[in-house]
Amino acid sequence: MQIPLSFAELPLHVLIAVPCIVLIGYTIFGATGFGSSIISVPGLAHFFPLTFTVPLITTTDAFAATSTAYRLRRLVAWREVARLLPALYEASWSLQGESAFDLAAIVADISAILPYVSESKP
């Protein structure tokens, strides 16, 4: 399956469906903090090859999770993050050479866990 070089080469139904799929995926992400990949990748795989779709969504997830973590940084329990970082580093080191997008996946993982290790504040 070839990736079109311009939007003009894409059929109208693809130009309508792709933003809707991504919107639904990231609405789920906004509500729950996860799930954008579960929704977006299978939907986009109908129109684009997985070699294009997975890195696209992984990179987009990294930016979305980093943005969320940055906005909620005051609520993060940094001692808990410090406890998790060695395990994340070890896991990323064991995956070295597996994919060109490991760094984006690691950033997405770290950013995704930050809101959930936050301190409880009334």
PDB file of N, CA and C in Angstrom:
ATOM      1  N   MET A   1       0.845  -1.161   0.000  1.00  0.00           N
ATOM      2  CA  MET A   1       0.000   0.000   0.000  1.00  0.00           C
ATOM      3  C   MET A   1       0.901   1.238   0.000  1.00  0.00           C
ATOM      4  N   GLN A   2       0.688   2.119  -0.923  1.00  0.00           N
ATOM      5  CA  GLN A   2       1.471   3.343  -1.044  1.00  0.00           C
ATOM      6  C   GLN A   2       0.831   4.471  -0.239  1.00  0.00           C
ATOM      7  N   ILE A   3       1.676   5.322   0.309  1.00  0.00           N
ATOM      8  CA  ILE A   3       1.194   6.512   1.006  1.00  0.00           C
ATOM      9  C   ILE A   3       1.124   7.632  -0.021  1.00  0.00           C
ATOM     10  N   PRO A   4      -0.029   8.251  -0.204  1.00  0.00           N
ATOM     11  CA  PRO A   4      -0.127   9.353  -1.169  1.00  0.00           C
ATOM     12  C   PRO A   4       0.793  10.507  -0.773  1.00  0.00           C
ATOM     13  N   LEU A   5       1.349  11.170  -1.771  1.00  0.00           N
ATOM     14  CA  LEU A   5       2.291  12.250  -1.522  1.00  0.00           C
ATOM     15  C   LEU A   5       1.614  13.574  -1.221  1.00  0.00           C
ATOM     16  N   SER A   6       0.326  13.703  -1.568  1.00  0.00           N
ATOM     17  CA  SER A   6      -0.374  14.954  -1.297  1.00  0.00           C
ATOM     18  C   SER A   6      -1.831  14.664  -0.942  1.00  0.00           C
ATOM     19  N   PHE A   7      -2.470  15.656  -0.331  1.00  0.00           N
ATOM     20  CA  PHE A   7      -3.883  15.501   0.013  1.00  0.00           C
ATOM     21  C   PHE A   7      -4.754  15.379  -1.228  1.00  0.00           C
ATOM     22  N   ALA A   8      -4.315  15.949  -2.327  1.00  0.00           N
ATOM     23  CA  ALA A   8      -5.103  15.909  -3.565  1.00  0.00           C
ATOM     24  C   ALA A   8      -5.272  14.486  -4.071  1.00  0.00           C
ATOM     25  N   GLU A   9      -4.333  13.607  -3.723  1.00  0.00           N
ATOM     26  CA  GLU A   9      -4.412  12.218  -4.180  1.00  0.00           C
ATOM     27  C   GLU A   9      -5.324  11.353  -3.320  1.00  0.00           C
ATOM     28  N   LEU A  10      -5.726  11.858  -2.149  1.00  0.00           N
ATOM     29  CA  LEU A  10      -6.584  11.084  -1.260  1.00  0.00           C
ATOM     30  C   LEU A  10      -8.045  11.220  -1.658  1.00  0.00           C
ATOM     31  N   PRO A  11      -8.800  10.125  -1.603  1.00  0.00           N
ATOM     32  CA  PRO A  11     -10.236  10.207  -1.875  1.00  0.00           C
ATOM     33  C   PRO A  11     -10.955  11.023  -0.794  1.00  0.00           C
ATOM     34  N   LEU A  12     -12.085  11.548  -1.123  1.00  0.00           N
ATOM     35  CA  LEU A  12     -12.855  12.382  -0.208  1.00  0.00           C
ATOM     36  C   LEU A  12     -13.237  11.634   1.068  1.00  0.00           C
ATOM     37  N   HIS A  13     -13.616  10.353   0.942  1.00  0.00           N
ATOM     38  CA  HIS A  13     -14.025   9.607   2.136  1.00  0.00           C
ATOM     39  C   HIS A  13     -12.870   9.444   3.126  1.00  0.00           C
ATOM     40  N   VAL A  14     -11.637   9.378   2.634  1.00  0.00           N
ATOM     41  CA  VAL A  14     -10.479   9.286   3.519  1.00  0.00           C
ATOM     42  C   VAL A  14     -10.248  10.625   4.213  1.00  0.00           C
ATOM     43  N   LEU A  15     -10.393  11.719   3.464  1.00  0.00           N
ATOM     44  CA  LEU A  15     -10.213  13.048   4.049  1.00  0.00           C
ATOM     45  C   LEU A  15     -11.251  13.356   5.129  1.00  0.00           C
ATOM     46  N   ILE A  16     -12.390  12.707   5.060  1.00  0.00           N
ATOM     47  CA  ILE A  16     -13.431  12.900   6.073  1.00  0.00           C
ATOM     48  C   ILE A  16     -13.236  11.923   7.232  1.00  0.00           C
ATOM     49  N   ALA A  17     -12.931  10.667   6.927  1.00  0.00           N
ATOM     50  CA  ALA A  17     -12.858   9.626   7.956  1.00  0.00           C
ATOM     51  C   ALA A  17     -11.647   9.773   8.871  1.00  0.00           C
ATOM     52  N   VAL A  18     -10.485  10.109   8.324  1.00  0.00           N
ATOM     53  CA  VAL A  18      -9.259  10.145   9.127  1.00  0.00           C
ATOM     54  C   VAL A  18      -9.342  11.169  10.259  1.00  0.00           C
ATOM     55  N   PRO A  19      -9.741  12.427  10.007  1.00  0.00           N
ATOM     56  CA  PRO A  19      -9.855  13.350  11.143  1.00  0.00           C
ATOM     57  C   PRO A  19     -10.905  12.915  12.169  1.00  0.00           C
ATOM     58  N   CYS A  20     -11.976  12.286  11.715  1.00  0.00           N
ATOM     59  CA  CYS A  20     -13.006  11.807  12.642  1.00  0.00           C
ATOM     60  C   CYS A  20     -12.457  10.696  13.540  1.00  0.00           C
ATOM     61  N   ILE A  21     -11.687   9.784  12.954  1.00  0.00           N
ATOM     62  CA  ILE A  21     -11.084   8.691  13.727  1.00  0.00           C
ATOM     63  C   ILE A  21     -10.129   9.252  14.770  1.00  0.00           C
ATOM     64  N   VAL A  22      -9.278  10.177  14.363  1.00  0.00           N
ATOM     65  CA  VAL A  22      -8.307  10.771  15.283  1.00  0.00           C
ATOM     66  C   VAL A  22      -9.027  11.587  16.361  1.00  0.00           C
ATOM     67  N   LEU A  23     -10.065  12.312  16.001  1.00  0.00           N
ATOM     68  CA  LEU A  23     -10.837  13.083  16.972  1.00  0.00           C
ATOM     69  C   LEU A  23     -11.459  12.171  18.026  1.00  0.00           C
ATOM     70  N   ILE A  24     -12.038  11.071  17.600  1.00  0.00           N
ATOM     71  CA  ILE A  24     -12.639  10.123  18.542  1.00  0.00           C
ATOM     72  C   ILE A  24     -11.558   9.532  19.447  1.00  0.00           C
ATOM     73  N   GLY A  25     -10.410   9.143  18.871  1.00  0.00           N
ATOM     74  CA  GLY A  25      -9.323   8.573  19.663  1.00  0.00           C
ATOM     75  C   GLY A  25      -8.804   9.523  20.722  1.00  0.00           C
ATOM     76  N   TYR A  26      -8.620  10.777  20.343  1.00  0.00           N
ATOM     77  CA  TYR A  26      -8.074  11.737  21.307  1.00  0.00           C
ATOM     78  C   TYR A  26      -9.134  12.312  22.239  1.00  0.00           C
ATOM     79  N   THR A  27     -10.394  12.176  21.908  1.00  0.00           N
ATOM     80  CA  THR A  27     -11.455  12.487  22.867  1.00  0.00           C
ATOM     81  C   THR A  27     -11.427  11.451  23.982  1.00  0.00           C
ATOM     82  N   ILE A  28     -11.250  10.192  23.607  1.00  0.00           N
ATOM     83  CA  ILE A  28     -11.106   9.120  24.603  1.00  0.00           C
ATOM     84  C   ILE A  28      -9.870   9.387  25.465  1.00  0.00           C
ATOM     85  N   PHE A  29      -8.757   9.774  24.831  1.00  0.00           N
ATOM     86  CA  PHE A  29      -7.529  10.074  25.566  1.00  0.00           C
ATOM     87  C   PHE A  29      -7.750  11.216  26.549  1.00  0.00           C
ATOM     88  N   GLY A  30      -8.450  12.240  26.122  1.00  0.00           N
ATOM     89  CA  GLY A  30      -8.714  13.370  27.000  1.00  0.00           C
ATOM     90  C   GLY A  30      -9.582  13.003  28.184  1.00  0.00           C
ATOM     91  N   ALA A  31     -10.500  12.085  27.984  1.00  0.00           N
ATOM     92  CA  ALA A  31     -11.409  11.699  29.059  1.00  0.00           C
ATOM     93  C   ALA A  31     -10.781  10.689  30.015  1.00  0.00           C
ATOM     94  N   THR A  32      -9.923   9.813  29.504  1.00  0.00           N
ATOM     95  CA  THR A  32      -9.413   8.720  30.326  1.00  0.00           C
ATOM     96  C   THR A  32      -7.907   8.766  30.546  1.00  0.00           C
ATOM     97  N   GLY A  33      -7.168   9.449  29.681  1.00  0.00           N
ATOM     98  CA  GLY A  33      -5.714   9.476  29.791  1.00  0.00           C
ATOM     99  C   GLY A  33      -5.030   8.381  28.996  1.00  0.00           C
ATOM    100  N   PHE A  34      -5.789   7.519  28.353  1.00  0.00           N
ATOM    101  CA  PHE A  34      -5.224   6.479  27.500  1.00  0.00           C
ATOM    102  C   PHE A  34      -6.274   6.091  26.471  1.00  0.00           C
ATOM    103  N   GLY A  35      -5.920   5.234  25.544  1.00  0.00           N
ATOM    104  CA  GLY A  35      -6.900   4.705  24.604  1.00  0.00           C
ATOM    105  C   GLY A  35      -6.868   5.310  23.222  1.00  0.00           C
ATOM    106  N   SER A  36      -6.091   6.363  23.022  1.00  0.00           N
ATOM    107  CA  SER A  36      -6.073   6.970  21.689  1.00  0.00           C
ATOM    108  C   SER A  36      -5.496   6.016  20.648  1.00  0.00           C
ATOM    109  N   SER A  37      -4.475   5.270  21.017  1.00  0.00           N
ATOM    110  CA  SER A  37      -3.878   4.323  20.071  1.00  0.00           C
ATOM    111  C   SER A  37      -4.819   3.163  19.773  1.00  0.00           C
ATOM    112  N   ILE A  38      -5.521   2.721  20.797  1.00  0.00           N
ATOM    113  CA  ILE A  38      -6.436   1.588  20.629  1.00  0.00           C
ATOM    114  C   ILE A  38      -7.542   1.930  19.640  1.00  0.00           C
ATOM    115  N   ILE A  39      -7.957   3.175  19.617  1.00  0.00           N
ATOM    116  CA  ILE A  39      -9.014   3.620  18.711  1.00  0.00           C
ATOM    117  C   ILE A  39      -8.437   4.035  17.358  1.00  0.00           C
ATOM    118  N   SER A  40      -7.377   4.827  17.381  1.00  0.00           N
ATOM    119  CA  SER A  40      -6.873   5.450  16.154  1.00  0.00           C
ATOM    120  C   SER A  40      -6.153   4.490  15.210  1.00  0.00           C
ATOM    121  N   VAL A  41      -5.284   3.644  15.743  1.00  0.00           N
ATOM    122  CA  VAL A  41      -4.470   2.793  14.863  1.00  0.00           C
ATOM    123  C   VAL A  41      -5.317   1.833  14.028  1.00  0.00           C
ATOM    124  N   PRO A  42      -6.257   1.083  14.608  1.00  0.00           N
ATOM    125  CA  PRO A  42      -7.059   0.203  13.747  1.00  0.00           C
ATOM    126  C   PRO A  42      -7.883   0.962  12.708  1.00  0.00           C
ATOM    127  N   GLY A  43      -8.401   2.119  13.096  1.00  0.00           N
ATOM    128  CA  GLY A  43      -9.182   2.905  12.139  1.00  0.00           C
ATOM    129  C   GLY A  43      -8.331   3.435  11.001  1.00  0.00           C
ATOM    130  N   LEU A  44      -7.161   3.978  11.340  1.00  0.00           N
ATOM    131  CA  LEU A  44      -6.277   4.513  10.296  1.00  0.00           C
ATOM    132  C   LEU A  44      -5.654   3.415   9.445  1.00  0.00           C
ATOM    133  N   ALA A  45      -5.527   2.212  10.006  1.00  0.00           N
ATOM    134  CA  ALA A  45      -4.944   1.095   9.250  1.00  0.00           C
ATOM    135  C   ALA A  45      -5.800   0.694   8.059  1.00  0.00           C
ATOM    136  N   HIS A  46      -7.049   1.097   8.058  1.00  0.00           N
ATOM    137  CA  HIS A  46      -7.895   0.830   6.896  1.00  0.00           C
ATOM    138  C   HIS A  46      -7.500   1.689   5.701  1.00  0.00           C
ATOM    139  N   PHE A  47      -6.825   2.805   5.962  1.00  0.00           N
ATOM    140  CA  PHE A  47      -6.497   3.744   4.896  1.00  0.00           C
ATOM    141  C   PHE A  47      -5.005   3.873   4.625  1.00  0.00           C
ATOM    142  N   PHE A  48      -4.163   3.595   5.633  1.00  0.00           N
ATOM    143  CA  PHE A  48      -2.716   3.749   5.507  1.00  0.00           C
ATOM    144  C   PHE A  48      -2.018   2.495   6.012  1.00  0.00           C
ATOM    145  N   PRO A  49      -0.786   2.238   5.565  1.00  0.00           N
ATOM    146  CA  PRO A  49      -0.053   1.073   6.071  1.00  0.00           C
ATOM    147  C   PRO A  49       0.345   1.259   7.537  1.00  0.00           C
ATOM    148  N   LEU A  50       0.515   0.155   8.243  1.00  0.00           N
ATOM    149  CA  LEU A  50       0.881   0.217   9.654  1.00  0.00           C
ATOM    150  C   LEU A  50       2.245   0.866   9.855  1.00  0.00           C
ATOM    151  N   THR A  51       3.136   0.732   8.887  1.00  0.00           N
ATOM    152  CA  THR A  51       4.456   1.349   9.010  1.00  0.00           C
ATOM    153  C   THR A  51       4.370   2.871   9.026  1.00  0.00           C
ATOM    154  N   PHE A  52       3.277   3.420   8.584  1.00  0.00           N
ATOM    155  CA  PHE A  52       3.029   4.860   8.640  1.00  0.00           C
ATOM    156  C   PHE A  52       2.151   5.213   9.836  1.00  0.00           C
ATOM    157  N   THR A  53       1.135   4.400  10.080  1.00  0.00           N
ATOM    158  CA  THR A  53       0.128   4.694  11.098  1.00  0.00           C
ATOM    159  C   THR A  53       0.688   4.622  12.518  1.00  0.00           C
ATOM    160  N   VAL A  54       1.408   3.562  12.836  1.00  0.00           N
ATOM    161  CA  VAL A  54       1.901   3.379  14.209  1.00  0.00           C
ATOM    162  C   VAL A  54       2.883   4.479  14.615  1.00  0.00           C
ATOM    163  N   PRO A  55       3.910   4.798  13.814  1.00  0.00           N
ATOM    164  CA  PRO A  55       4.785   5.912  14.221  1.00  0.00           C
ATOM    165  C   PRO A  55       4.053   7.252  14.306  1.00  0.00           C
ATOM    166  N   LEU A  56       3.080   7.471  13.436  1.00  0.00           N
ATOM    167  CA  LEU A  56       2.309   8.713  13.469  1.00  0.00           C
ATOM    168  C   LEU A  56       1.562   8.855  14.790  1.00  0.00           C
ATOM    169  N   ILE A  57       0.858   7.816  15.193  1.00  0.00           N
ATOM    170  CA  ILE A  57       0.069   7.869  16.420  1.00  0.00           C
ATOM    171  C   ILE A  57       0.978   7.851  17.651  1.00  0.00           C
ATOM    172  N   THR A  58       2.088   7.115  17.596  1.00  0.00           N
ATOM    173  CA  THR A  58       3.030   7.099  18.720  1.00  0.00           C
ATOM    174  C   THR A  58       3.603   8.485  18.964  1.00  0.00           C
ATOM    175  N   THR A  59       3.988   9.167  17.902  1.00  0.00           N
ATOM    176  CA  THR A  59       4.532  10.517  18.037  1.00  0.00           C
ATOM    177  C   THR A  59       3.464  11.486  18.532  1.00  0.00           C
ATOM    178  N   THR A  60       2.262  11.365  17.997  1.00  0.00           N
ATOM    179  CA  THR A  60       1.168  12.231  18.439  1.00  0.00           C
ATOM    180  C   THR A  60       0.840  11.971  19.909  1.00  0.00           C
ATOM    181  N   ASP A  61       0.863  10.701  20.329  1.00  0.00           N
ATOM    182  CA  ASP A  61       0.634  10.357  21.734  1.00  0.00           C
ATOM    183  C   ASP A  61       1.712  10.955  22.631  1.00  0.00           C
ATOM    184  N   ALA A  62       2.949  10.935  22.169  1.00  0.00           N
ATOM    185  CA  ALA A  62       4.036  11.502  22.966  1.00  0.00           C
ATOM    186  C   ALA A  62       3.790  12.987  23.217  1.00  0.00           C
ATOM    187  N   PHE A  63       3.393  13.707  22.189  1.00  0.00           N
ATOM    188  CA  PHE A  63       3.103  15.136  22.364  1.00  0.00           C
ATOM    189  C   PHE A  63       1.884  15.363  23.252  1.00  0.00           C
ATOM    190  N   ALA A  64       0.842  14.569  23.063  1.00  0.00           N
ATOM    191  CA  ALA A  64      -0.371  14.736  23.866  1.00  0.00           C
ATOM    192  C   ALA A  64      -0.108  14.414  25.333  1.00  0.00           C
ATOM    193  N   ALA A  65       0.607  13.329  25.603  1.00  0.00           N
ATOM    194  CA  ALA A  65       0.891  12.949  26.987  1.00  0.00           C
ATOM    195  C   ALA A  65       1.844  13.941  27.644  1.00  0.00           C
ATOM    196  N   THR A  66       2.823  14.432  26.893  1.00  0.00           N
ATOM    197  CA  THR A  66       3.750  15.416  27.439  1.00  0.00           C
ATOM    198  C   THR A  66       3.022  16.718  27.766  1.00  0.00           C
ATOM    199  N   SER A  67       2.124  17.115  26.900  1.00  0.00           N
ATOM    200  CA  SER A  67       1.334  18.322  27.147  1.00  0.00           C
ATOM    201  C   SER A  67       0.478  18.169  28.403  1.00  0.00           C
ATOM    202  N   THR A  68      -0.145  17.020  28.559  1.00  0.00           N
ATOM    203  CA  THR A  68      -0.967  16.760  29.740  1.00  0.00           C
ATOM    204  C   THR A  68      -0.112  16.753  31.004  1.00  0.00           C
ATOM    205  N   ALA A  69       1.024  16.093  30.929  1.00  0.00           N
ATOM    206  CA  ALA A  69       1.919  16.034  32.092  1.00  0.00           C
ATOM    207  C   ALA A  69       2.434  17.421  32.451  1.00  0.00           C
ATOM    208  N   TYR A  70       2.728  18.235  31.453  1.00  0.00           N
ATOM    209  CA  TYR A  70       3.218  19.587  31.722  1.00  0.00           C
ATOM    210  C   TYR A  70       2.145  20.430  32.415  1.00  0.00           C
ATOM    211  N   ARG A  71       0.917  20.305  31.956  1.00  0.00           N
ATOM    212  CA  ARG A  71      -0.165  21.069  32.574  1.00  0.00           C
ATOM    213  C   ARG A  71      -0.425  20.632  34.008  1.00  0.00           C
ATOM    214  N   LEU A  72      -0.196  19.358  34.308  1.00  0.00           N
ATOM    215  CA  LEU A  72      -0.484  18.813  35.640  1.00  0.00           C
ATOM    216  C   LEU A  72       0.781  18.621  36.478  1.00  0.00           C
ATOM    217  N   ARG A  73       1.878  19.254  36.107  1.00  0.00           N
ATOM    218  CA  ARG A  73       3.165  19.020  36.766  1.00  0.00           C
ATOM    219  C   ARG A  73       3.152  19.378  38.246  1.00  0.00           C
ATOM    220  N   ARG A  74       2.326  20.293  38.663  1.00  0.00           N
ATOM    221  CA  ARG A  74       2.284  20.680  40.076  1.00  0.00           C
ATOM    222  C   ARG A  74       1.646  19.588  40.944  1.00  0.00           C
ATOM    223  N   LEU A  75       0.896  18.707  40.326  1.00  0.00           N
ATOM    224  CA  LEU A  75       0.223  17.642  41.068  1.00  0.00           C
ATOM    225  C   LEU A  75       1.030  16.349  41.126  1.00  0.00           C
ATOM    226  N   VAL A  76       2.174  16.323  40.489  1.00  0.00           N
ATOM    227  CA  VAL A  76       2.968  15.096  40.386  1.00  0.00           C
ATOM    228  C   VAL A  76       3.710  14.837  41.689  1.00  0.00           C
ATOM    229  N   ALA A  77       3.693  13.602  42.129  1.00  0.00           N
ATOM    230  CA  ALA A  77       4.484  13.167  43.285  1.00  0.00           C
ATOM    231  C   ALA A  77       5.858  12.776  42.751  1.00  0.00           C
ATOM    232  N   TRP A  78       6.794  13.702  42.787  1.00  0.00           N
ATOM    233  CA  TRP A  78       8.090  13.505  42.140  1.00  0.00           C
ATOM    234  C   TRP A  78       8.895  12.374  42.760  1.00  0.00           C
ATOM    235  N   ARG A  79       8.664  12.067  44.029  1.00  0.00           N
ATOM    236  CA  ARG A  79       9.361  10.917  44.646  1.00  0.00           C
ATOM    237  C   ARG A  79       8.927   9.610  43.992  1.00  0.00           C
ATOM    238  N   GLU A  80       7.655   9.514  43.657  1.00  0.00           N
ATOM    239  CA  GLU A  80       7.162   8.314  42.965  1.00  0.00           C
ATOM    240  C   GLU A  80       7.755   8.209  41.564  1.00  0.00           C
ATOM    241  N   VAL A  81       7.862   9.330  40.887  1.00  0.00           N
ATOM    242  CA  VAL A  81       8.461   9.335  39.554  1.00  0.00           C
ATOM    243  C   VAL A  81       9.912   8.886  39.642  1.00  0.00           C
ATOM    244  N   ALA A  82      10.619   9.374  40.645  1.00  0.00           N
ATOM    245  CA  ALA A  82      12.021   8.980  40.822  1.00  0.00           C
ATOM    246  C   ALA A  82      12.141   7.473  41.045  1.00  0.00           C
ATOM    247  N   ARG A  83      11.162   6.884  41.719  1.00  0.00           N
ATOM    248  CA  ARG A  83      11.185   5.423  41.902  1.00  0.00           C
ATOM    249  C   ARG A  83      10.915   4.680  40.599  1.00  0.00           C
ATOM    250  N   LEU A  84      10.117   5.257  39.711  1.00  0.00           N
ATOM    251  CA  LEU A  84       9.762   4.584  38.461  1.00  0.00           C
ATOM    252  C   LEU A  84      10.811   4.732  37.370  1.00  0.00           C
ATOM    253  N   LEU A  85      11.592   5.797  37.395  1.00  0.00           N
ATOM    254  CA  LEU A  85      12.535   6.067  36.316  1.00  0.00           C
ATOM    255  C   LEU A  85      13.567   4.966  36.086  1.00  0.00           C
ATOM    256  N   PRO A  86      14.154   4.350  37.127  1.00  0.00           N
ATOM    257  CA  PRO A  86      15.111   3.272  36.838  1.00  0.00           C
ATOM    258  C   PRO A  86      14.485   2.103  36.066  1.00  0.00           C
ATOM    259  N   ALA A  87      13.254   1.751  36.406  1.00  0.00           N
ATOM    260  CA  ALA A  87      12.585   0.659  35.689  1.00  0.00           C
ATOM    261  C   ALA A  87      12.292   1.045  34.243  1.00  0.00           C
ATOM    262  N   LEU A  88      11.871   2.284  34.020  1.00  0.00           N
ATOM    263  CA  LEU A  88      11.630   2.748  32.653  1.00  0.00           C
ATOM    264  C   LEU A  88      12.917   2.788  31.850  1.00  0.00           C
ATOM    265  N   TYR A  89      13.998   3.219  32.489  1.00  0.00           N
ATOM    266  CA  TYR A  89      15.292   3.254  31.813  1.00  0.00           C
ATOM    267  C   TYR A  89      15.741   1.839  31.444  1.00  0.00           C
ATOM    268  N   GLU A  90      15.609   0.907  32.369  1.00  0.00           N
ATOM    269  CA  GLU A  90      16.001  -0.481  32.111  1.00  0.00           C
ATOM    270  C   GLU A  90      15.169  -1.083  30.980  1.00  0.00           C
ATOM    271  N   ALA A  91      13.883  -0.830  31.000  1.00  0.00           N
ATOM    272  CA  ALA A  91      13.011  -1.352  29.945  1.00  0.00           C
ATOM    273  C   ALA A  91      13.377  -0.751  28.596  1.00  0.00           C
ATOM    274  N   SER A  92      13.652   0.541  28.570  1.00  0.00           N
ATOM    275  CA  SER A  92      14.009   1.167  27.298  1.00  0.00           C
ATOM    276  C   SER A  92      15.368   0.682  26.815  1.00  0.00           C
ATOM    277  N   TRP A  93      16.296   0.417  27.738  1.00  0.00           N
ATOM    278  CA  TRP A  93      17.614  -0.080  27.360  1.00  0.00           C
ATOM    279  C   TRP A  93      17.503  -1.479  26.757  1.00  0.00           C
ATOM    280  N   SER A  94      16.604  -2.299  27.305  1.00  0.00           N
ATOM    281  CA  SER A  94      16.440  -3.658  26.787  1.00  0.00           C
ATOM    282  C   SER A  94      15.806  -3.650  25.399  1.00  0.00           C
ATOM    283  N   LEU A  95      15.082  -2.589  25.054  1.00  0.00           N
ATOM    284  CA  LEU A  95      14.458  -2.480  23.737  1.00  0.00           C
ATOM    285  C   LEU A  95      15.350  -1.783  22.716  1.00  0.00           C
ATOM    286  N   GLN A  96      16.557  -1.414  23.117  1.00  0.00           N
ATOM    287  CA  GLN A  96      17.436  -0.645  22.247  1.00  0.00           C
ATOM    288  C   GLN A  96      17.654  -1.376  20.927  1.00  0.00           C
ATOM    289  N   GLY A  97      17.491  -0.630  19.853  1.00  0.00           N
ATOM    290  CA  GLY A  97      17.676  -1.194  18.523  1.00  0.00           C
ATOM    291  C   GLY A  97      16.437  -1.842  17.944  1.00  0.00           C
ATOM    292  N   GLU A  98      15.359  -1.923  18.710  1.00  0.00           N
ATOM    293  CA  GLU A  98      14.143  -2.560  18.221  1.00  0.00           C
ATOM    294  C   GLU A  98      13.384  -1.677  17.236  1.00  0.00           C
ATOM    295  N   SER A  99      13.352  -0.381  17.498  1.00  0.00           N
ATOM    296  CA  SER A  99      12.550   0.504  16.669  1.00  0.00           C
ATOM    297  C   SER A  99      13.142   1.898  16.679  1.00  0.00           C
ATOM    298  N   ALA A 100      12.931   2.605  15.603  1.00  0.00           N
ATOM    299  CA  ALA A 100      13.408   3.984  15.518  1.00  0.00           C
ATOM    300  C   ALA A 100      12.562   4.912  16.369  1.00  0.00           C
ATOM    301  N   PHE A 101      11.417   4.459  16.824  1.00  0.00           N
ATOM    302  CA  PHE A 101      10.507   5.312  17.565  1.00  0.00           C
ATOM    303  C   PHE A 101      10.476   4.978  19.049  1.00  0.00           C
ATOM    304  N   ASP A 102      11.525   4.284  19.555  1.00  0.00           N
ATOM    305  CA  ASP A 102      11.579   3.960  20.973  1.00  0.00           C
ATOM    306  C   ASP A 102      11.602   5.206  21.840  1.00  0.00           C
ATOM    307  N   LEU A 103      12.350   6.226  21.417  1.00  0.00           N
ATOM    308  CA  LEU A 103      12.428   7.441  22.218  1.00  0.00           C
ATOM    309  C   LEU A 103      11.049   8.076  22.372  1.00  0.00           C
ATOM    310  N   ALA A 104      10.289   8.134  21.286  1.00  0.00           N
ATOM    311  CA  ALA A 104       8.940   8.693  21.366  1.00  0.00           C
ATOM    312  C   ALA A 104       8.058   7.843  22.283  1.00  0.00           C
ATOM    313  N   ALA A 105       8.228   6.529  22.227  1.00  0.00           N
ATOM    314  CA  ALA A 105       7.440   5.642  23.083  1.00  0.00           C
ATOM    315  C   ALA A 105       7.818   5.824  24.549  1.00  0.00           C
ATOM    316  N   ILE A 106       9.109   6.006  24.823  1.00  0.00           N
ATOM    317  CA  ILE A 106       9.554   6.197  26.200  1.00  0.00           C
ATOM    318  C   ILE A 106       9.024   7.511  26.746  1.00  0.00           C
ATOM    319  N   VAL A 107       9.113   8.572  25.955  1.00  0.00           N
ATOM    320  CA  VAL A 107       8.593   9.871  26.383  1.00  0.00           C
ATOM    321  C   VAL A 107       7.090   9.770  26.620  1.00  0.00           C
ATOM    322  N   ALA A 108       6.388   9.073  25.752  1.00  0.00           N
ATOM    323  CA  ALA A 108       4.942   8.906  25.928  1.00  0.00           C
ATOM    324  C   ALA A 108       4.644   8.120  27.197  1.00  0.00           C
ATOM    325  N   ASP A 109       5.430   7.072  27.477  1.00  0.00           N
ATOM    326  CA  ASP A 109       5.216   6.284  28.689  1.00  0.00           C
ATOM    327  C   ASP A 109       5.435   7.114  29.938  1.00  0.00           C
ATOM    328  N   ILE A 110       6.547   7.848  29.965  1.00  0.00           N
ATOM    329  CA  ILE A 110       6.846   8.663  31.137  1.00  0.00           C
ATOM    330  C   ILE A 110       5.779   9.739  31.317  1.00  0.00           C
ATOM    331  N   SER A 111       5.415  10.393  30.238  1.00  0.00           N
ATOM    332  CA  SER A 111       4.422  11.464  30.324  1.00  0.00           C
ATOM    333  C   SER A 111       3.047  10.926  30.697  1.00  0.00           C
ATOM    334  N   ALA A 112       2.747   9.728  30.256  1.00  0.00           N
ATOM    335  CA  ALA A 112       1.436   9.159  30.545  1.00  0.00           C
ATOM    336  C   ALA A 112       1.299   8.761  32.009  1.00  0.00           C
ATOM    337  N   ILE A 113       2.398   8.367  32.655  1.00  0.00           N
ATOM    338  CA  ILE A 113       2.279   7.937  34.053  1.00  0.00           C
ATOM    339  C   ILE A 113       2.310   9.105  35.020  1.00  0.00           C
ATOM    340  N   LEU A 114       2.829  10.243  34.609  1.00  0.00           N
ATOM    341  CA  LEU A 114       2.959  11.362  35.542  1.00  0.00           C
ATOM    342  C   LEU A 114       1.641  11.792  36.182  1.00  0.00           C
ATOM    343  N   PRO A 115       0.553  11.934  35.428  1.00  0.00           N
ATOM    344  CA  PRO A 115      -0.692  12.352  36.093  1.00  0.00           C
ATOM    345  C   PRO A 115      -1.224  11.323  37.086  1.00  0.00           C
ATOM    346  N   TYR A 116      -0.851  10.056  36.932  1.00  0.00           N
ATOM    347  CA  TYR A 116      -1.403   9.013  37.781  1.00  0.00           C
ATOM    348  C   TYR A 116      -0.597   8.772  39.046  1.00  0.00           C
ATOM    349  N   VAL A 117       0.583   9.349  39.125  1.00  0.00           N
ATOM    350  CA  VAL A 117       1.356   9.249  40.353  1.00  0.00           C
ATOM    351  C   VAL A 117       1.280  10.553  41.122  1.00  0.00           C
ATOM    352  N   SER A 118       0.224  11.306  40.869  1.00  0.00           N
ATOM    353  CA  SER A 118       0.078  12.602  41.530  1.00  0.00           C
ATOM    354  C   SER A 118      -0.366  12.424  42.978  1.00  0.00           C
ATOM    355  N   GLU A 119      -0.001  13.389  43.772  1.00  0.00           N
ATOM    356  CA  GLU A 119      -0.416  13.373  45.170  1.00  0.00           C
ATOM    357  C   GLU A 119      -1.893  13.740  45.258  1.00  0.00           C
ATOM    358  N   SER A 120      -2.569  13.146  46.205  1.00  0.00           N
ATOM    359  CA  SER A 120      -3.975  13.475  46.415  1.00  0.00           C
ATOM    360  C   SER A 120      -4.062  14.835  47.082  1.00  0.00           C
ATOM    361  N   LYS A 121      -4.767  15.737  46.459  1.00  0.00           N
ATOM    362  CA  LYS A 121      -4.972  17.061  47.041  1.00  0.00           C
ATOM    363  C   LYS A 121      -6.466  17.329  47.067  1.00  0.00           C
ATOM    364  N   PRO A 122      -6.975  17.741  48.219  1.00  0.00           N
ATOM    365  CA  PRO A 122      -8.419  17.969  48.310  1.00  0.00           C
ATOM    366  C   PRO A 122      -8.883  19.126  47.470  1.00  0.00           C
TER     367      PRO A 122
END
